[in-house]
Amino acid sequence: MPAAENRCRLWGVGTTEPGQTRAMTATSPPGPADEPERYVGLETGEAERQARSRGWRILRSVPPGAMVTMEFRPGRLNFEVEADRVKRAWQG
């Protein structure tokens, strides 16, 4: 990600485009039967497309070392992104 875009991005339930916002509930749907490790090494856009097609409803992309909230949301997939590639992926 370019330095100017080096910030967290969160796509909430029901969003289809980056930057859209929608109210999210305190509970989150369970995550799909998927292995987050499969996204490591993919270009960010491709990882997000694949994750959505596999049923992930909440996606969060963050730069390395970013501070993120620690609450566990089973329906959320997190990507640590550097140079537009997924370096790490985890559920919650």
Protein backbone atom coordinates (compact mmCIF):
# COMPACT_ATOMS: atom_id res chain seq x y z
CA MET A 1 0.00 0.00 0.00
CA PRO A 2 1.30 3.48 -0.74
CA ALA A 3 2.28 5.47 2.33
CA ALA A 4 -0.74 7.76 1.90
CA GLU A 5 -2.99 4.71 2.10
CA ASN A 6 -1.14 3.05 4.98
CA ARG A 7 -4.16 2.76 7.24
CA CYS A 8 -6.70 0.19 8.30
CA ARG A 9 -9.58 -0.68 6.02
CA LEU A 10 -12.68 -2.42 7.31
CA TRP A 11 -15.46 -3.72 5.14
CA GLY A 12 -18.56 -4.37 7.20
CA VAL A 13 -21.48 -6.71 6.78
CA GLY A 14 -23.24 -6.07 3.51
CA THR A 15 -20.76 -3.60 2.04
CA THR A 16 -19.57 -4.05 -1.49
CA GLU A 17 -17.05 -1.24 -1.94
CA PRO A 18 -14.10 0.03 0.10
CA GLY A 19 -14.98 3.06 2.14
CA GLN A 20 -18.67 2.28 2.51
CA THR A 21 -19.94 2.26 6.05
CA ARG A 22 -22.84 0.44 7.61
CA ALA A 23 -23.85 -0.04 11.23
CA MET A 24 -22.56 -3.29 12.66
CA THR A 25 -24.17 -5.19 15.48
CA ALA A 26 -22.47 -6.27 18.69
CA THR A 27 -22.58 -9.87 17.55
CA SER A 28 -21.03 -11.26 14.44
CA PRO A 29 -22.07 -14.24 12.34
CA PRO A 30 -19.83 -17.29 12.56
CA GLY A 31 -17.04 -17.52 10.03
CA PRO A 32 -17.09 -19.93 7.12
CA ALA A 33 -15.20 -23.22 7.12
CA ASP A 34 -12.05 -21.77 5.57
CA GLU A 35 -8.32 -21.63 6.31
CA PRO A 36 -7.03 -18.05 6.63
CA GLU A 37 -3.51 -19.17 5.66
CA ARG A 38 -4.69 -19.75 2.07
CA TYR A 39 -4.73 -15.96 1.52
CA VAL A 40 -1.08 -15.36 2.43
CA GLY A 41 0.89 -14.19 -0.60
CA LEU A 42 -2.15 -13.11 -2.62
CA GLU A 43 -2.61 -9.58 -3.95
CA THR A 44 -4.96 -7.76 -1.57
CA GLY A 45 -7.83 -7.31 -4.03
CA GLU A 46 -7.72 -10.96 -5.07
CA ALA A 47 -7.61 -12.11 -1.43
CA GLU A 48 -10.65 -9.96 -0.65
CA ARG A 49 -12.57 -11.30 -3.68
CA GLN A 50 -11.79 -14.90 -2.74
CA ALA A 51 -12.69 -14.32 0.91
CA ARG A 52 -16.06 -12.84 -0.02
CA SER A 53 -16.78 -15.73 -2.41
CA ARG A 54 -16.02 -18.18 0.43
CA GLY A 55 -18.50 -16.51 2.76
CA TRP A 56 -16.49 -14.05 4.87
CA ARG A 57 -18.78 -11.16 5.70
CA ILE A 58 -16.35 -8.80 7.47
CA LEU A 59 -12.86 -8.14 6.10
CA ARG A 60 -10.19 -5.98 7.72
CA SER A 61 -6.90 -5.05 6.04
CA VAL A 62 -4.18 -3.48 8.18
CA PRO A 63 -0.54 -2.52 7.65
CA PRO A 64 2.17 -4.43 9.56
CA GLY A 65 2.36 -3.42 13.20
CA ALA A 66 -0.97 -1.58 13.20
CA MET A 67 -2.86 -1.39 16.46
CA VAL A 68 -6.19 -3.18 16.11
CA THR A 69 -9.04 -3.94 18.46
CA MET A 70 -8.76 -7.31 20.15
CA GLU A 71 -12.41 -8.35 20.35
CA PHE A 72 -12.98 -11.66 18.60
CA ARG A 73 -15.54 -11.64 15.79
CA PRO A 74 -15.82 -15.12 14.32
CA GLY A 75 -17.18 -13.78 11.01
CA ARG A 76 -14.24 -11.41 10.46
CA LEU A 77 -11.15 -12.18 8.41
CA ASN A 78 -8.11 -9.98 9.05
CA PHE A 79 -5.32 -9.36 6.55
CA GLU A 80 -1.95 -7.85 7.38
CA VAL A 81 -1.00 -6.19 4.10
CA GLU A 82 2.36 -4.90 2.90
CA ALA A 83 3.16 -3.80 -0.69
CA ASP A 84 -0.38 -4.83 -1.72
CA ARG A 85 0.21 -8.47 -0.66
CA VAL A 86 -1.28 -10.38 2.24
CA LYS A 87 1.55 -11.18 4.66
CA ARG A 88 -0.63 -12.72 7.39
CA ALA A 89 -4.29 -13.68 7.73
CA TRP A 90 -6.34 -14.64 10.79
CA GLN A 91 -9.92 -15.06 11.88
CA GLY A 92 -11.50 -12.79 14.46
